[in-house]
Amino acid sequence: MVETVAKHGTWSGVFGRRSKDVKEIAEHIRALVIGLHPDAVEVPRNKDKTVAYGFGEKKLSEGYCYLAPQRGHLSVGFWWGAMLEDPNGMLEGKGKKLRHVKISDTVTAKSAKVAQLVHLAIEERRTGLAVPTKPSPAKRTKASKKPRKKKKETA
């Protein structure tokens, strides 16, 4: 389940005064991130006017993306975006690492192209931080299963 670190702000502190359209887009991207990474750490930062997501609360090293509301659109930024494949040419920016996508409608927010970028960003940070993936119960090996304790039989 998502862990929200509220020491820097709140969701409503970042999105409270934004337009209904930008809030709706942000809620779709938030749901996408949580769907792809249920154990994400969410860090709203009122001062920065962003909500960051990552494997920890350190935005530059543990974070993989952030949501930044703008007038008329939502910027979805990727801290390590320059390292991502971008087959659809959606990423903008020329910095050493940072890239972003401007999303101005819910159709784009729900698109497979955006989902792919978020997934790639999560996997880039998972690899960069050497975070192990959790095996699903169906894919667990015998070695990873703990032996069950036998119940004592009563006479």
Protein backbone atom coordinates (compact mmCIF):
# COMPACT_ATOMS: atom_id res chain seq x y z
CA MET A 1 0.00 0.00 0.00
CA VAL A 2 1.19 3.50 -0.79
CA GLU A 3 2.97 5.31 2.01
CA THR A 4 2.31 9.06 2.02
CA VAL A 5 5.00 11.16 3.71
CA ALA A 6 3.18 14.29 4.83
CA LYS A 7 6.00 16.22 6.51
CA HIS A 8 6.47 18.44 3.43
CA GLY A 9 2.81 18.90 2.47
CA THR A 10 -0.43 17.31 1.39
CA TRP A 11 -2.17 16.35 -1.83
CA SER A 12 -4.73 19.12 -1.30
CA GLY A 13 -1.93 21.58 -0.52
CA VAL A 14 -0.48 20.94 -3.98
CA PHE A 15 -3.72 20.52 -5.95
CA GLY A 16 -6.28 22.41 -3.85
CA ARG A 17 -6.44 25.59 -5.94
CA ARG A 18 -5.98 23.97 -9.33
CA SER A 19 -8.63 23.62 -12.01
CA LYS A 20 -11.00 20.67 -11.98
CA ASP A 21 -9.46 19.38 -15.24
CA VAL A 22 -5.89 19.42 -13.91
CA LYS A 23 -7.01 17.71 -10.68
CA GLU A 24 -8.80 15.00 -12.68
CA ILE A 25 -5.71 14.38 -14.83
CA ALA A 26 -3.56 14.21 -11.69
CA GLU A 27 -5.91 11.71 -10.06
CA HIS A 28 -5.65 9.45 -13.14
CA ILE A 29 -1.85 9.59 -13.10
CA ARG A 30 -1.82 8.98 -9.34
CA ALA A 31 -4.00 5.89 -9.81
CA LEU A 32 -1.70 4.73 -12.63
CA VAL A 33 1.41 5.07 -10.46
CA ILE A 34 -0.22 3.25 -7.55
CA GLY A 35 -1.49 0.52 -9.88
CA LEU A 36 2.01 -0.05 -11.25
CA HIS A 37 3.79 0.35 -7.90
CA PRO A 38 1.45 -0.35 -4.96
CA ASP A 39 4.32 0.08 -2.47
CA ALA A 40 5.27 3.54 -3.77
CA VAL A 41 6.23 6.31 -1.41
CA GLU A 42 4.18 9.45 -2.16
CA VAL A 43 5.69 12.77 -1.07
CA PRO A 44 3.56 15.90 -1.51
CA ARG A 45 5.73 19.03 -1.39
CA ASN A 46 3.65 22.18 -0.99
CA LYS A 47 6.67 24.48 -1.40
CA ASP A 48 7.69 22.84 -4.71
CA LYS A 49 4.03 22.45 -5.79
CA THR A 50 4.71 18.80 -6.65
CA VAL A 51 3.81 15.31 -5.54
CA ALA A 52 6.71 12.91 -5.99
CA TYR A 53 6.69 9.10 -6.20
CA GLY A 54 9.51 6.70 -5.58
CA PHE A 55 11.03 3.91 -3.54
CA GLY A 56 11.73 6.34 -0.69
CA GLU A 57 11.22 10.00 0.10
CA LYS A 58 14.48 11.29 -1.40
CA LYS A 59 13.23 12.79 -4.63
CA LEU A 60 16.49 12.92 -6.58
CA SER A 61 17.86 9.49 -5.75
CA GLU A 62 14.86 7.34 -4.78
CA GLY A 63 12.18 9.08 -6.83
CA TYR A 64 11.13 8.17 -10.34
CA CYS A 65 8.40 10.68 -11.18
CA TYR A 66 6.51 13.70 -9.92
CA LEU A 67 3.28 15.50 -10.71
CA ALA A 68 3.42 19.27 -11.09
CA PRO A 69 0.17 21.14 -11.76
CA GLN A 70 0.39 23.97 -14.26
CA ARG A 71 -2.18 26.28 -15.80
CA GLY A 72 -4.10 24.14 -18.26
CA HIS A 73 -2.02 20.97 -17.94
CA LEU A 74 -0.20 18.59 -15.63
CA SER A 75 3.54 18.09 -16.00
CA VAL A 76 4.61 14.56 -15.22
CA GLY A 77 8.31 14.74 -14.58
CA PHE A 78 10.80 11.91 -14.57
CA TRP A 79 13.90 12.46 -12.43
CA TRP A 80 15.89 10.01 -14.56
CA GLY A 81 13.99 10.63 -17.79
CA ALA A 82 17.06 11.01 -20.00
CA MET A 83 17.80 7.34 -19.34
CA LEU A 84 14.34 6.18 -20.48
CA GLU A 85 13.43 4.80 -23.87
CA ASP A 86 10.90 7.10 -25.50
CA PRO A 87 9.54 5.29 -28.56
CA ASN A 88 6.59 7.68 -28.86
CA GLY A 89 8.65 10.88 -28.58
CA MET A 90 6.63 12.21 -25.64
CA LEU A 91 9.45 13.32 -23.34
CA GLU A 92 10.47 16.97 -23.32
CA GLY A 93 13.56 18.59 -21.86
CA LYS A 94 17.26 18.84 -22.57
CA GLY A 95 18.78 18.55 -19.10
CA LYS A 96 21.33 15.96 -18.06
CA LYS A 97 18.71 13.70 -16.38
CA LEU A 98 15.29 15.31 -16.04
CA ARG A 99 12.51 14.97 -18.62
CA HIS A 100 8.77 15.67 -18.49
CA VAL A 101 5.52 15.15 -20.34
CA LYS A 102 2.76 17.76 -20.51
CA ILE A 103 -0.69 16.19 -20.18
CA SER A 104 -3.70 18.39 -20.88
CA ASP A 105 -6.55 15.87 -21.15
CA THR A 106 -7.75 12.67 -19.50
CA VAL A 107 -7.52 10.69 -22.75
CA THR A 108 -3.75 11.20 -22.78
CA ALA A 109 -3.57 10.56 -19.01
CA LYS A 110 -5.23 7.17 -19.55
CA SER A 111 -3.13 6.27 -22.60
CA ALA A 112 -0.84 3.27 -22.88
CA LYS A 113 1.97 5.64 -23.93
CA VAL A 114 1.93 7.42 -20.57
CA ALA A 115 1.58 4.13 -18.69
CA GLN A 116 4.62 2.80 -20.54
CA LEU A 117 6.74 5.82 -19.53
CA VAL A 118 5.73 5.51 -15.87
CA HIS A 119 6.48 1.78 -15.94
CA LEU A 120 9.89 2.39 -17.53
CA ALA A 121 10.67 5.06 -14.91
CA ILE A 122 9.76 2.70 -12.06
CA GLU A 123 11.92 -0.06 -13.50
CA GLU A 124 14.83 2.32 -14.12
CA ARG A 125 14.86 3.31 -10.42
CA ARG A 126 14.29 -0.27 -9.27
CA THR A 127 17.40 -1.25 -11.25
CA GLY A 128 19.36 1.87 -10.27
CA LEU A 129 18.70 1.28 -6.58
CA ALA A 130 19.00 -2.52 -6.85
CA VAL A 131 15.55 -2.96 -5.31
CA PRO A 132 14.52 -6.60 -5.54
CA THR A 133 11.20 -7.41 -7.08
CA LYS A 134 8.73 -9.30 -4.95
CA PRO A 135 7.96 -12.72 -6.38
CA SER A 136 4.30 -13.40 -6.88
CA PRO A 137 2.93 -16.43 -5.01
CA ALA A 138 2.51 -18.33 -8.28
CA LYS A 139 6.15 -17.78 -9.28
CA ARG A 140 7.83 -18.56 -5.96
CA THR A 141 10.46 -21.25 -6.04
CA LYS A 142 10.70 -24.11 -3.57
CA ALA A 143 13.83 -22.52 -2.10
CA SER A 144 11.95 -19.31 -1.27
CA LYS A 145 9.11 -21.10 0.51
CA LYS A 146 9.45 -21.55 4.24
CA PRO A 147 8.78 -25.04 5.49
CA ARG A 148 5.50 -25.35 7.31
CA LYS A 149 5.50 -26.47 10.90
CA LYS A 150 3.73 -29.74 11.44
CA LYS A 151 0.82 -29.69 13.82
CA LYS A 152 1.09 -31.94 16.82
CA GLU A 153 -1.49 -34.63 16.75
CA THR A 154 -3.53 -35.02 19.87
CA ALA A 155 -4.75 -38.41 21.00
